[in-house]
């Protein structure tokens, strides 16, 4: 499969508005009113957040695969209501939009929760 075309160019100032941070996944639970969503409890150092992710069915054992792992999250999106629950950010994963099984965007080594990207 060929890579997708790049999106239109944006100014650095626009990109700099996106707050991407490392979070440590503490818990993974199914969202009862959804066929696809899981609820992540994520530690960002000074706070924990609930992040809803549409990954149910993508992994045989999401709890075993994700608990204790670090990944990148967008933390300054407006909270979004999904399946009756509020999501306080977005997990950055790789591959979903390209039709492949998604993979987490991971730091190469452990870093303190809440560490900013960029």
PDB file of N, CA and C in Angstrom:
ATOM      1  N   UNK A   1       0.839  -1.168   0.000  1.00  0.00           N
ATOM      2  CA  UNK A   1       0.000   0.000   0.000  1.00  0.00           C
ATOM      3  C   UNK A   1       0.891   1.240   0.000  1.00  0.00           C
ATOM      4  N   UNK A   2       0.580   2.184  -0.847  1.00  0.00           N
ATOM      5  CA  UNK A   2       1.336   3.433  -0.931  1.00  0.00           C
ATOM      6  C   UNK A   2       0.910   4.363   0.207  1.00  0.00           C
ATOM      7  N   UNK A   3       1.840   5.147   0.735  1.00  0.00           N
ATOM      8  CA  UNK A   3       1.467   6.101   1.777  1.00  0.00           C
ATOM      9  C   UNK A   3       0.459   7.123   1.259  1.00  0.00           C
ATOM     10  N   UNK A   4      -0.378   7.620   2.156  1.00  0.00           N
ATOM     11  CA  UNK A   4      -1.349   8.656   1.803  1.00  0.00           C
ATOM     12  C   UNK A   4      -0.623   9.949   1.460  1.00  0.00           C
ATOM     13  N   UNK A   5      -1.271  10.769   0.646  1.00  0.00           N
ATOM     14  CA  UNK A   5      -0.723  12.084   0.310  1.00  0.00           C
ATOM     15  C   UNK A   5      -0.633  12.936   1.582  1.00  0.00           C
ATOM     16  N   UNK A   6       0.379  13.785   1.684  1.00  0.00           N
ATOM     17  CA  UNK A   6       0.465  14.682   2.842  1.00  0.00           C
ATOM     18  C   UNK A   6      -0.716  15.646   2.877  1.00  0.00           C
ATOM     19  N   UNK A   7      -1.112  16.027   4.075  1.00  0.00           N
ATOM     20  CA  UNK A   7      -2.158  17.036   4.249  1.00  0.00           C
ATOM     21  C   UNK A   7      -1.592  18.398   3.861  1.00  0.00           C
ATOM     22  N   UNK A   8      -2.468  19.387   3.666  1.00  0.00           N
ATOM     23  CA  UNK A   8      -1.981  20.732   3.310  1.00  0.00           C
ATOM     24  C   UNK A   8      -1.030  21.279   4.377  1.00  0.00           C
ATOM     25  N   UNK A   9      -0.113  22.109   3.939  1.00  0.00           N
ATOM     26  CA  UNK A   9       0.851  22.742   4.828  1.00  0.00           C
ATOM     27  C   UNK A   9       0.134  23.676   5.805  1.00  0.00           C
ATOM     28  N   UNK A  10       0.605  23.657   7.067  1.00  0.00           N
ATOM     29  CA  UNK A  10       0.094  24.587   8.075  1.00  0.00           C
ATOM     30  C   UNK A  10       1.267  25.389   8.621  1.00  0.00           C
ATOM     31  N   UNK A  11       0.946  26.488   9.271  1.00  0.00           N
ATOM     32  CA  UNK A  11       1.990  27.305   9.884  1.00  0.00           C
ATOM     33  C   UNK A  11       2.445  26.654  11.184  1.00  0.00           C
ATOM     34  N   UNK A  12       3.697  26.883  11.553  1.00  0.00           N
ATOM     35  CA  UNK A  12       4.224  26.342  12.802  1.00  0.00           C
ATOM     36  C   UNK A  12       3.375  26.813  13.987  1.00  0.00           C
ATOM     37  N   UNK A  13       2.939  28.056  13.945  1.00  0.00           N
ATOM     38  CA  UNK A  13       2.137  28.612  15.038  1.00  0.00           C
ATOM     39  C   UNK A  13       0.853  27.811  15.247  1.00  0.00           C
ATOM     40  N   UNK A  14       0.269  27.290  14.159  1.00  0.00           N
ATOM     41  CA  UNK A  14      -0.933  26.464  14.280  1.00  0.00           C
ATOM     42  C   UNK A  14      -0.604  25.123  14.928  1.00  0.00           C
ATOM     43  N   UNK A  15       0.475  24.502  14.492  1.00  0.00           N
ATOM     44  CA  UNK A  15       0.877  23.225  15.091  1.00  0.00           C
ATOM     45  C   UNK A  15       1.222  23.400  16.562  1.00  0.00           C
ATOM     46  N   UNK A  16       1.855  24.504  16.898  1.00  0.00           N
ATOM     47  CA  UNK A  16       2.301  24.747  18.273  1.00  0.00           C
ATOM     48  C   UNK A  16       1.124  24.857  19.248  1.00  0.00           C
ATOM     49  N   UNK A  17      -0.082  25.052  18.747  1.00  0.00           N
ATOM     50  CA  UNK A  17      -1.268  25.111  19.605  1.00  0.00           C
ATOM     51  C   UNK A  17      -1.674  23.732  20.120  1.00  0.00           C
ATOM     52  N   UNK A  18      -1.231  22.667  19.460  1.00  0.00           N
ATOM     53  CA  UNK A  18      -1.597  21.307  19.850  1.00  0.00           C
ATOM     54  C   UNK A  18      -0.686  20.869  20.998  1.00  0.00           C
ATOM     55  N   UNK A  19      -1.286  20.492  22.126  1.00  0.00           N
ATOM     56  CA  UNK A  19      -0.539  20.071  23.313  1.00  0.00           C
ATOM     57  C   UNK A  19      -0.482  18.539  23.334  1.00  0.00           C
ATOM     58  N   UNK A  20       0.673  18.000  22.939  1.00  0.00           N
ATOM     59  CA  UNK A  20       0.881  16.553  22.889  1.00  0.00           C
ATOM     60  C   UNK A  20       1.770  16.185  24.064  1.00  0.00           C
ATOM     61  N   UNK A  21       1.298  15.238  24.871  1.00  0.00           N
ATOM     62  CA  UNK A  21       2.042  14.830  26.066  1.00  0.00           C
ATOM     63  C   UNK A  21       2.082  13.314  26.195  1.00  0.00           C
ATOM     64  N   UNK A  22       3.090  12.865  26.918  1.00  0.00           N
ATOM     65  CA  UNK A  22       3.203  11.448  27.248  1.00  0.00           C
ATOM     66  C   UNK A  22       2.307  11.167  28.444  1.00  0.00           C
ATOM     67  N   UNK A  23       1.537  10.101  28.335  1.00  0.00           N
ATOM     68  CA  UNK A  23       0.729   9.639  29.456  1.00  0.00           C
ATOM     69  C   UNK A  23       0.992   8.169  29.701  1.00  0.00           C
ATOM     70  N   UNK A  24       0.873   7.759  30.941  1.00  0.00           N
ATOM     71  CA  UNK A  24       1.009   6.347  31.314  1.00  0.00           C
ATOM     72  C   UNK A  24      -0.386   5.779  31.525  1.00  0.00           C
ATOM     73  N   UNK A  25      -0.715   4.716  30.816  1.00  0.00           N
ATOM     74  CA  UNK A  25      -2.051   4.116  30.880  1.00  0.00           C
ATOM     75  C   UNK A  25      -2.152   3.280  32.151  1.00  0.00           C
ATOM     76  N   UNK A  26      -3.090   3.666  33.023  1.00  0.00           N
ATOM     77  CA  UNK A  26      -3.269   2.996  34.315  1.00  0.00           C
ATOM     78  C   UNK A  26      -4.368   1.948  34.291  1.00  0.00           C
ATOM     79  N   UNK A  27      -5.407   2.170  33.501  1.00  0.00           N
ATOM     80  CA  UNK A  27      -6.548   1.250  33.464  1.00  0.00           C
ATOM     81  C   UNK A  27      -7.168   1.265  32.080  1.00  0.00           C
ATOM     82  N   UNK A  28      -7.751   0.124  31.703  1.00  0.00           N
ATOM     83  CA  UNK A  28      -8.452  -0.040  30.430  1.00  0.00           C
ATOM     84  C   UNK A  28      -9.754  -0.768  30.736  1.00  0.00           C
ATOM     85  N   UNK A  29     -10.886  -0.134  30.385  1.00  0.00           N
ATOM     86  CA  UNK A  29     -12.193  -0.729  30.652  1.00  0.00           C
ATOM     87  C   UNK A  29     -13.088  -0.566  29.431  1.00  0.00           C
ATOM     88  N   UNK A  30     -13.942  -1.543  29.185  1.00  0.00           N
ATOM     89  CA  UNK A  30     -14.929  -1.403  28.120  1.00  0.00           C
ATOM     90  C   UNK A  30     -15.935  -0.325  28.492  1.00  0.00           C
ATOM     91  N   UNK A  31     -16.394   0.420  27.507  1.00  0.00           N
ATOM     92  CA  UNK A  31     -17.478   1.384  27.706  1.00  0.00           C
ATOM     93  C   UNK A  31     -18.772   0.618  27.445  1.00  0.00           C
ATOM     94  N   UNK A  32     -19.606   0.442  28.476  1.00  0.00           N
ATOM     95  CA  UNK A  32     -20.776  -0.435  28.356  1.00  0.00           C
ATOM     96  C   UNK A  32     -21.733  -0.093  27.227  1.00  0.00           C
ATOM     97  N   UNK A  33     -21.909   1.194  26.921  1.00  0.00           N
ATOM     98  CA  UNK A  33     -22.895   1.593  25.913  1.00  0.00           C
ATOM     99  C   UNK A  33     -22.292   1.686  24.520  1.00  0.00           C
ATOM    100  N   UNK A  34     -21.140   1.047  24.305  1.00  0.00           N
ATOM    101  CA  UNK A  34     -20.484   1.123  23.003  1.00  0.00           C
ATOM    102  C   UNK A  34     -19.939  -0.232  22.593  1.00  0.00           C
ATOM    103  N   UNK A  35     -19.990  -0.515  21.308  1.00  0.00           N
ATOM    104  CA  UNK A  35     -19.414  -1.743  20.754  1.00  0.00           C
ATOM    105  C   UNK A  35     -17.927  -1.579  20.471  1.00  0.00           C
ATOM    106  N   UNK A  36     -17.460  -0.331  20.422  1.00  0.00           N
ATOM    107  CA  UNK A  36     -16.125  -0.061  19.929  1.00  0.00           C
ATOM    108  C   UNK A  36     -15.208   0.659  20.920  1.00  0.00           C
ATOM    109  N   UNK A  37     -15.786   1.408  21.870  1.00  0.00           N
ATOM    110  CA  UNK A  37     -14.976   2.245  22.744  1.00  0.00           C
ATOM    111  C   UNK A  37     -14.443   1.517  23.972  1.00  0.00           C
ATOM    112  N   UNK A  38     -13.216   1.901  24.359  1.00  0.00           N
ATOM    113  CA  UNK A  38     -12.666   1.537  25.658  1.00  0.00           C
ATOM    114  C   UNK A  38     -12.317   2.830  26.387  1.00  0.00           C
ATOM    115  N   UNK A  39     -12.365   2.772  27.713  1.00  0.00           N
ATOM    116  CA  UNK A  39     -12.054   3.918  28.566  1.00  0.00           C
ATOM    117  C   UNK A  39     -10.655   3.707  29.134  1.00  0.00           C
ATOM    118  N   UNK A  40      -9.766   4.632  28.818  1.00  0.00           N
ATOM    119  CA  UNK A  40      -8.424   4.605  29.385  1.00  0.00           C
ATOM    120  C   UNK A  40      -8.363   5.598  30.536  1.00  0.00           C
ATOM    121  N   UNK A  41      -7.773   5.200  31.642  1.00  0.00           N
ATOM    122  CA  UNK A  41      -7.409   6.131  32.701  1.00  0.00           C
ATOM    123  C   UNK A  41      -5.923   6.360  32.524  1.00  0.00           C
ATOM    124  N   UNK A  42      -5.547   7.626  32.316  1.00  0.00           N
ATOM    125  CA  UNK A  42      -4.182   7.958  31.932  1.00  0.00           C
ATOM    126  C   UNK A  42      -3.581   8.942  32.925  1.00  0.00           C
ATOM    127  N   UNK A  43      -2.369   8.645  33.388  1.00  0.00           N
ATOM    128  CA  UNK A  43      -1.628   9.504  34.309  1.00  0.00           C
ATOM    129  C   UNK A  43      -0.777  10.475  33.503  1.00  0.00           C
ATOM    130  N   UNK A  44      -0.983  11.789  33.746  1.00  0.00           N
ATOM    131  CA  UNK A  44      -0.181  12.823  33.107  1.00  0.00           C
ATOM    132  C   UNK A  44       0.704  13.550  34.122  1.00  0.00           C
ATOM    133  N   UNK A  45       1.014  12.895  35.222  1.00  0.00           N
ATOM    134  CA  UNK A  45       1.908  13.460  36.218  1.00  0.00           C
ATOM    135  C   UNK A  45       1.191  14.278  37.262  1.00  0.00           C
ATOM    136  N   UNK A  46       0.560  15.371  36.859  1.00  0.00           N
ATOM    137  CA  UNK A  46      -0.142  16.224  37.806  1.00  0.00           C
ATOM    138  C   UNK A  46      -1.635  15.940  37.864  1.00  0.00           C
ATOM    139  N   UNK A  47      -2.118  15.078  36.977  1.00  0.00           N
ATOM    140  CA  UNK A  47      -3.541  14.739  36.952  1.00  0.00           C
ATOM    141  C   UNK A  47      -3.751  13.446  36.178  1.00  0.00           C
ATOM    142  N   UNK A  48      -4.899  12.852  36.401  1.00  0.00           N
ATOM    143  CA  UNK A  48      -5.329  11.711  35.593  1.00  0.00           C
ATOM    144  C   UNK A  48      -6.494  12.165  34.736  1.00  0.00           C
ATOM    145  N   UNK A  49      -6.592  11.587  33.550  1.00  0.00           N
ATOM    146  CA  UNK A  49      -7.689  11.903  32.645  1.00  0.00           C
ATOM    147  C   UNK A  49      -8.309  10.617  32.125  1.00  0.00           C
ATOM    148  N   UNK A  50      -9.566  10.752  31.722  1.00  0.00           N
ATOM    149  CA  UNK A  50     -10.266   9.677  31.044  1.00  0.00           C
ATOM    150  C   UNK A  50     -10.202   9.969  29.549  1.00  0.00           C
ATOM    151  N   UNK A  51      -9.685   9.009  28.797  1.00  0.00           N
ATOM    152  CA  UNK A  51      -9.594   9.136  27.342  1.00  0.00           C
ATOM    153  C   UNK A  51     -10.364   7.955  26.749  1.00  0.00           C
ATOM    154  N   UNK A  52     -11.351   8.244  25.906  1.00  0.00           N
ATOM    155  CA  UNK A  52     -12.105   7.192  25.229  1.00  0.00           C
ATOM    156  C   UNK A  52     -11.470   6.939  23.866  1.00  0.00           C
ATOM    157  N   UNK A  53     -11.299   5.654  23.554  1.00  0.00           N
ATOM    158  CA  UNK A  53     -10.609   5.259  22.333  1.00  0.00           C
ATOM    159  C   UNK A  53     -11.412   4.151  21.652  1.00  0.00           C
ATOM    160  N   UNK A  54     -11.594   4.253  20.344  1.00  0.00           N
ATOM    161  CA  UNK A  54     -12.337   3.249  19.581  1.00  0.00           C
ATOM    162  C   UNK A  54     -11.467   2.080  19.182  1.00  0.00           C
ATOM    163  N   UNK A  55     -10.991   1.321  20.157  1.00  0.00           N
ATOM    164  CA  UNK A  55     -10.069   0.225  19.845  1.00  0.00           C
ATOM    165  C   UNK A  55     -10.579  -1.156  20.274  1.00  0.00           C
ATOM    166  N   UNK A  56     -11.800  -1.230  20.757  1.00  0.00           N
ATOM    167  CA  UNK A  56     -12.308  -2.541  21.154  1.00  0.00           C
ATOM    168  C   UNK A  56     -12.368  -3.436  19.920  1.00  0.00           C
ATOM    169  N   UNK A  57     -11.828  -4.596  20.009  1.00  0.00           N
ATOM    170  CA  UNK A  57     -11.801  -5.526  18.884  1.00  0.00           C
ATOM    171  C   UNK A  57     -10.517  -5.460  18.081  1.00  0.00           C
ATOM    172  N   UNK A  58      -9.688  -4.435  18.300  1.00  0.00           N
ATOM    173  CA  UNK A  58      -8.409  -4.335  17.575  1.00  0.00           C
ATOM    174  C   UNK A  58      -7.314  -5.164  18.236  1.00  0.00           C
ATOM    175  N   UNK A  59      -7.491  -5.488  19.495  1.00  0.00           N
ATOM    176  CA  UNK A  59      -6.482  -6.217  20.264  1.00  0.00           C
ATOM    177  C   UNK A  59      -7.148  -7.366  21.004  1.00  0.00           C
ATOM    178  N   UNK A  60      -6.462  -8.472  21.092  1.00  0.00           N
ATOM    179  CA  UNK A  60      -7.004  -9.636  21.805  1.00  0.00           C
ATOM    180  C   UNK A  60      -7.106  -9.352  23.305  1.00  0.00           C
ATOM    181  N   UNK A  61      -6.138  -8.626  23.864  1.00  0.00           N
ATOM    182  CA  UNK A  61      -6.093  -8.353  25.297  1.00  0.00           C
ATOM    183  C   UNK A  61      -5.679  -6.904  25.550  1.00  0.00           C
ATOM    184  N   UNK A  62      -6.609  -5.949  25.369  1.00  0.00           N
ATOM    185  CA  UNK A  62      -6.230  -4.542  25.541  1.00  0.00           C
ATOM    186  C   UNK A  62      -5.648  -4.234  26.921  1.00  0.00           C
ATOM    187  N   UNK A  63      -6.201  -4.837  27.964  1.00  0.00           N
ATOM    188  CA  UNK A  63      -5.687  -4.573  29.310  1.00  0.00           C
ATOM    189  C   UNK A  63      -4.240  -5.021  29.420  1.00  0.00           C
ATOM    190  N   UNK A  64      -3.981  -6.236  29.017  1.00  0.00           N
ATOM    191  CA  UNK A  64      -2.617  -6.768  29.092  1.00  0.00           C
ATOM    192  C   UNK A  64      -1.645  -6.043  28.180  1.00  0.00           C
ATOM    193  N   UNK A  65      -2.147  -5.580  27.021  1.00  0.00           N
ATOM    194  CA  UNK A  65      -1.291  -4.883  26.055  1.00  0.00           C
ATOM    195  C   UNK A  65      -0.983  -3.448  26.471  1.00  0.00           C
ATOM    196  N   UNK A  66      -1.914  -2.783  27.177  1.00  0.00           N
ATOM    197  CA  UNK A  66      -1.803  -1.343  27.359  1.00  0.00           C
ATOM    198  C   UNK A  66      -1.484  -0.874  28.773  1.00  0.00           C
ATOM    199  N   UNK A  67      -1.959  -1.571  29.790  1.00  0.00           N
ATOM    200  CA  UNK A  67      -1.753  -1.095  31.159  1.00  0.00           C
ATOM    201  C   UNK A  67      -0.256  -1.029  31.459  1.00  0.00           C
ATOM    202  N   UNK A  68       0.149   0.131  31.946  1.00  0.00           N
ATOM    203  CA  UNK A  68       1.551   0.377  32.267  1.00  0.00           C
ATOM    204  C   UNK A  68       2.360   0.953  31.114  1.00  0.00           C
ATOM    205  N   UNK A  69       1.782   0.976  29.907  1.00  0.00           N
ATOM    206  CA  UNK A  69       2.491   1.505  28.729  1.00  0.00           C
ATOM    207  C   UNK A  69       2.354   3.014  28.668  1.00  0.00           C
ATOM    208  N   UNK A  70       3.343   3.644  28.084  1.00  0.00           N
ATOM    209  CA  UNK A  70       3.270   5.066  27.802  1.00  0.00           C
ATOM    210  C   UNK A  70       2.931   5.259  26.343  1.00  0.00           C
ATOM    211  N   UNK A  71       2.213   6.351  26.057  1.00  0.00           N
ATOM    212  CA  UNK A  71       1.889   6.698  24.683  1.00  0.00           C
ATOM    213  C   UNK A  71       1.730   8.204  24.597  1.00  0.00           C
ATOM    214  N   UNK A  72       1.529   8.699  23.385  1.00  0.00           N
ATOM    215  CA  UNK A  72       1.323  10.121  23.161  1.00  0.00           C
ATOM    216  C   UNK A  72      -0.169  10.418  23.079  1.00  0.00           C
ATOM    217  N   UNK A  73      -0.560  11.550  23.682  1.00  0.00           N
ATOM    218  CA  UNK A  73      -1.952  11.971  23.729  1.00  0.00           C
ATOM    219  C   UNK A  73      -2.045  13.465  23.442  1.00  0.00           C
ATOM    220  N   UNK A  74      -3.121  13.872  22.765  1.00  0.00           N
ATOM    221  CA  UNK A  74      -3.452  15.286  22.643  1.00  0.00           C
ATOM    222  C   UNK A  74      -4.313  15.618  23.857  1.00  0.00           C
ATOM    223  N   UNK A  75      -3.871  16.603  24.653  1.00  0.00           N
ATOM    224  CA  UNK A  75      -4.564  16.877  25.914  1.00  0.00           C
ATOM    225  C   UNK A  75      -5.324  18.210  25.928  1.00  0.00           C
ATOM    226  N   UNK A  76      -5.274  18.975  24.837  1.00  0.00           N
ATOM    227  CA  UNK A  76      -5.987  20.257  24.858  1.00  0.00           C
ATOM    228  C   UNK A  76      -7.145  20.321  23.860  1.00  0.00           C
ATOM    229  N   UNK A  77      -7.706  19.184  23.522  1.00  0.00           N
ATOM    230  CA  UNK A  77      -8.947  19.175  22.744  1.00  0.00           C
ATOM    231  C   UNK A  77     -10.113  19.464  23.684  1.00  0.00           C
ATOM    232  N   UNK A  78     -11.174  20.053  23.152  1.00  0.00           N
ATOM    233  CA  UNK A  78     -12.382  20.212  23.959  1.00  0.00           C
ATOM    234  C   UNK A  78     -12.854  18.839  24.399  1.00  0.00           C
ATOM    235  N   UNK A  79     -13.315  18.693  25.647  1.00  0.00           N
ATOM    236  CA  UNK A  79     -13.894  17.408  26.055  1.00  0.00           C
ATOM    237  C   UNK A  79     -15.028  17.041  25.104  1.00  0.00           C
ATOM    238  N   UNK A  80     -15.142  15.739  24.832  1.00  0.00           N
ATOM    239  CA  UNK A  80     -16.129  15.265  23.853  1.00  0.00           C
ATOM    240  C   UNK A  80     -16.960  14.150  24.470  1.00  0.00           C
ATOM    241  N   UNK A  81     -18.269  14.258  24.325  1.00  0.00           N
ATOM    242  CA  UNK A  81     -19.165  13.231  24.849  1.00  0.00           C
ATOM    243  C   UNK A  81     -19.302  12.126  23.810  1.00  0.00           C
ATOM    244  N   UNK A  82     -19.056  10.895  24.261  1.00  0.00           N
ATOM    245  CA  UNK A  82     -19.145   9.720  23.391  1.00  0.00           C
ATOM    246  C   UNK A  82     -19.798   8.598  24.190  1.00  0.00           C
ATOM    247  N   UNK A  83     -20.851   8.007  23.648  1.00  0.00           N
ATOM    248  CA  UNK A  83     -21.565   6.901  24.308  1.00  0.00           C
ATOM    249  C   UNK A  83     -21.928   7.256  25.751  1.00  0.00           C
ATOM    250  N   UNK A  84     -22.307   8.502  25.960  1.00  0.00           N
ATOM    251  CA  UNK A  84     -22.747   8.934  27.284  1.00  0.00           C
ATOM    252  C   UNK A  84     -21.621   9.269  28.252  1.00  0.00           C
ATOM    253  N   UNK A  85     -20.382   9.215  27.815  1.00  0.00           N
ATOM    254  CA  UNK A  85     -19.243   9.506  28.682  1.00  0.00           C
ATOM    255  C   UNK A  85     -18.408  10.615  28.062  1.00  0.00           C
ATOM    256  N   UNK A  86     -17.583  11.251  28.874  1.00  0.00           N
ATOM    257  CA  UNK A  86     -16.751  12.361  28.419  1.00  0.00           C
ATOM    258  C   UNK A  86     -15.315  11.881  28.214  1.00  0.00           C
ATOM    259  N   UNK A  87     -14.759  12.204  27.044  1.00  0.00           N
ATOM    260  CA  UNK A  87     -13.356  11.944  26.753  1.00  0.00           C
ATOM    261  C   UNK A  87     -12.593  13.253  26.903  1.00  0.00           C
ATOM    262  N   UNK A  88     -11.470  13.202  27.631  1.00  0.00           N
ATOM    263  CA  UNK A  88     -10.696  14.398  27.943  1.00  0.00           C
ATOM    264  C   UNK A  88      -9.400  14.481  27.147  1.00  0.00           C
ATOM    265  N   UNK A  89      -9.387  13.955  25.946  1.00  0.00           N
ATOM    266  CA  UNK A  89      -8.197  14.004  25.108  1.00  0.00           C
ATOM    267  C   UNK A  89      -8.285  12.975  24.005  1.00  0.00           C
ATOM    268  N   UNK A  90      -7.169  12.763  23.337  1.00  0.00           N
ATOM    269  CA  UNK A  90      -7.133  11.817  22.225  1.00  0.00           C
ATOM    270  C   UNK A  90      -5.802  11.063  22.218  1.00  0.00           C
ATOM    271  N   UNK A  91      -5.888   9.750  22.112  1.00  0.00           N
ATOM    272  CA  UNK A  91      -4.707   8.907  21.942  1.00  0.00           C
ATOM    273  C   UNK A  91      -4.195   9.065  20.521  1.00  0.00           C
ATOM    274  N   UNK A  92      -2.894   9.243  20.373  1.00  0.00           N
ATOM    275  CA  UNK A  92      -2.299   9.243  19.037  1.00  0.00           C
ATOM    276  C   UNK A  92      -1.858   7.826  18.724  1.00  0.00           C
ATOM    277  N   UNK A  93      -2.445   7.262  17.681  1.00  0.00           N
ATOM    278  CA  UNK A  93      -1.991   5.953  17.230  1.00  0.00           C
ATOM    279  C   UNK A  93      -1.635   6.038  15.755  1.00  0.00           C
ATOM    280  N   UNK A  94      -1.024   5.013  15.273  1.00  0.00           N
ATOM    281  CA  UNK A  94      -0.511   4.989  13.908  1.00  0.00           C
ATOM    282  C   UNK A  94      -1.230   3.912  13.121  1.00  0.00           C
ATOM    283  N   UNK A  95      -1.683   4.247  11.922  1.00  0.00           N
ATOM    284  CA  UNK A  95      -2.210   3.241  11.010  1.00  0.00           C
ATOM    285  C   UNK A  95      -3.698   3.181  10.822  1.00  0.00           C
ATOM    286  N   UNK A  96      -4.491   3.646  11.782  1.00  0.00           N
ATOM    287  CA  UNK A  96      -5.945   3.515  11.676  1.00  0.00           C
ATOM    288  C   UNK A  96      -6.474   4.110  10.377  1.00  0.00           C
ATOM    289  N   UNK A  97      -6.092   5.337  10.078  1.00  0.00           N
ATOM    290  CA  UNK A  97      -6.602   6.006   8.864  1.00  0.00           C
ATOM    291  C   UNK A  97      -6.066   5.384   7.591  1.00  0.00           C
ATOM    292  N   UNK A  98      -5.022   4.583   7.692  1.00  0.00           N
ATOM    293  CA  UNK A  98      -4.471   3.916   6.518  1.00  0.00           C
ATOM    294  C   UNK A  98      -4.986   2.486   6.370  1.00  0.00           C
ATOM    295  N   UNK A  99      -5.919   2.108   7.256  1.00  0.00           N
ATOM    296  CA  UNK A  99      -6.539   0.804   7.132  1.00  0.00           C
ATOM    297  C   UNK A  99      -5.693  -0.355   7.625  1.00  0.00           C
ATOM    298  N   UNK A 100      -4.709  -0.068   8.476  1.00  0.00           N
ATOM    299  CA  UNK A 100      -3.919  -1.156   9.057  1.00  0.00           C
ATOM    300  C   UNK A 100      -4.199  -1.215  10.555  1.00  0.00           C
ATOM    301  N   UNK A 101      -3.870  -2.322  11.176  1.00  0.00           N
ATOM    302  CA  UNK A 101      -4.096  -2.454  12.611  1.00  0.00           C
ATOM    303  C   UNK A 101      -3.281  -1.373  13.321  1.00  0.00           C
ATOM    304  N   UNK A 102      -3.938  -0.524  14.110  1.00  0.00           N
ATOM    305  CA  UNK A 102      -3.240   0.589  14.739  1.00  0.00           C
ATOM    306  C   UNK A 102      -2.160   0.139  15.729  1.00  0.00           C
ATOM    307  N   UNK A 103      -1.139   0.970  15.828  1.00  0.00           N
ATOM    308  CA  UNK A 103      -0.049   0.799  16.783  1.00  0.00           C
ATOM    309  C   UNK A 103       0.062   2.086  17.591  1.00  0.00           C
ATOM    310  N   UNK A 104       0.412   1.967  18.848  1.00  0.00           N
ATOM    311  CA  UNK A 104       0.584   3.148  19.687  1.00  0.00           C
ATOM    312  C   UNK A 104       1.790   3.960  19.251  1.00  0.00           C
ATOM    313  N   UNK A 105       1.704   5.278  19.418  1.00  0.00           N
ATOM    314  CA  UNK A 105       2.856   6.163  19.236  1.00  0.00           C
ATOM    315  C   UNK A 105       3.558   6.222  20.592  1.00  0.00           C
ATOM    316  N   UNK A 106       4.731   5.596  20.677  1.00  0.00           N
ATOM    317  CA  UNK A 106       5.420   5.409  21.955  1.00  0.00           C
ATOM    318  C   UNK A 106       6.720   6.198  22.032  1.00  0.00           C
ATOM    319  N   UNK A 107       7.068   6.697  23.237  1.00  0.00           N
ATOM    320  CA  UNK A 107       8.413   7.244  23.402  1.00  0.00           C
ATOM    321  C   UNK A 107       9.429   6.099  23.336  1.00  0.00           C
ATOM    322  N   UNK A 108      10.638   6.400  22.901  1.00  0.00           N
ATOM    323  CA  UNK A 108      11.649   5.345  22.753  1.00  0.00           C
ATOM    324  C   UNK A 108      12.142   4.797  24.083  1.00  0.00           C
ATOM    325  N   UNK A 109      11.968   5.570  25.144  1.00  0.00           N
ATOM    326  CA  UNK A 109      12.331   5.123  26.494  1.00  0.00           C
ATOM    327  C   UNK A 109      11.353   5.771  27.465  1.00  0.00           C
ATOM    328  N   UNK A 110      11.215   5.232  28.679  1.00  0.00           N
ATOM    329  CA  UNK A 110      10.290   5.845  29.639  1.00  0.00           C
ATOM    330  C   UNK A 110      10.690   7.289  29.949  1.00  0.00           C
ATOM    331  N   UNK A 111       9.692   8.149  30.027  1.00  0.00           N
ATOM    332  CA  UNK A 111       9.874   9.547  30.410  1.00  0.00           C
ATOM    333  C   UNK A 111       8.803   9.882  31.454  1.00  0.00           C
ATOM    334  N   UNK A 112       8.984  10.946  32.214  1.00  0.00           N
ATOM    335  CA  UNK A 112       7.971  11.297  33.210  1.00  0.00           C
ATOM    336  C   UNK A 112       6.618  11.566  32.566  1.00  0.00           C
ATOM    337  N   UNK A 113       5.523  11.046  33.154  1.00  0.00           N
ATOM    338  CA  UNK A 113       4.200  11.355  32.634  1.00  0.00           C
ATOM    339  C   UNK A 113       3.998  12.869  32.575  1.00  0.00           C
ATOM    340  N   UNK A 114       3.379  13.330  31.493  1.00  0.00           N
ATOM    341  CA  UNK A 114       3.138  14.743  31.297  1.00  0.00           C
ATOM    342  C   UNK A 114       4.202  15.435  30.464  1.00  0.00           C
ATOM    343  N   UNK A 115       5.276  14.699  30.119  1.00  0.00           N
ATOM    344  CA  UNK A 115       6.324  15.280  29.278  1.00  0.00           C
ATOM    345  C   UNK A 115       5.726  15.714  27.938  1.00  0.00           C
ATOM    346  N   UNK A 116       6.045  16.943  27.505  1.00  0.00           N
ATOM    347  CA  UNK A 116       5.491  17.490  26.279  1.00  0.00           C
ATOM    348  C   UNK A 116       6.280  17.052  25.052  1.00  0.00           C
ATOM    349  N   UNK A 117       5.591  16.875  23.943  1.00  0.00           N
ATOM    350  CA  UNK A 117       6.233  16.616  22.656  1.00  0.00           C
ATOM    351  C   UNK A 117       6.578  17.950  22.016  1.00  0.00           C
ATOM    352  N   UNK A 118       7.622  17.942  21.230  1.00  0.00           N
ATOM    353  CA  UNK A 118       7.957  19.143  20.477  1.00  0.00           C
ATOM    354  C   UNK A 118       9.159  19.875  21.035  1.00  0.00           C
TER     355      UNK A 118
END
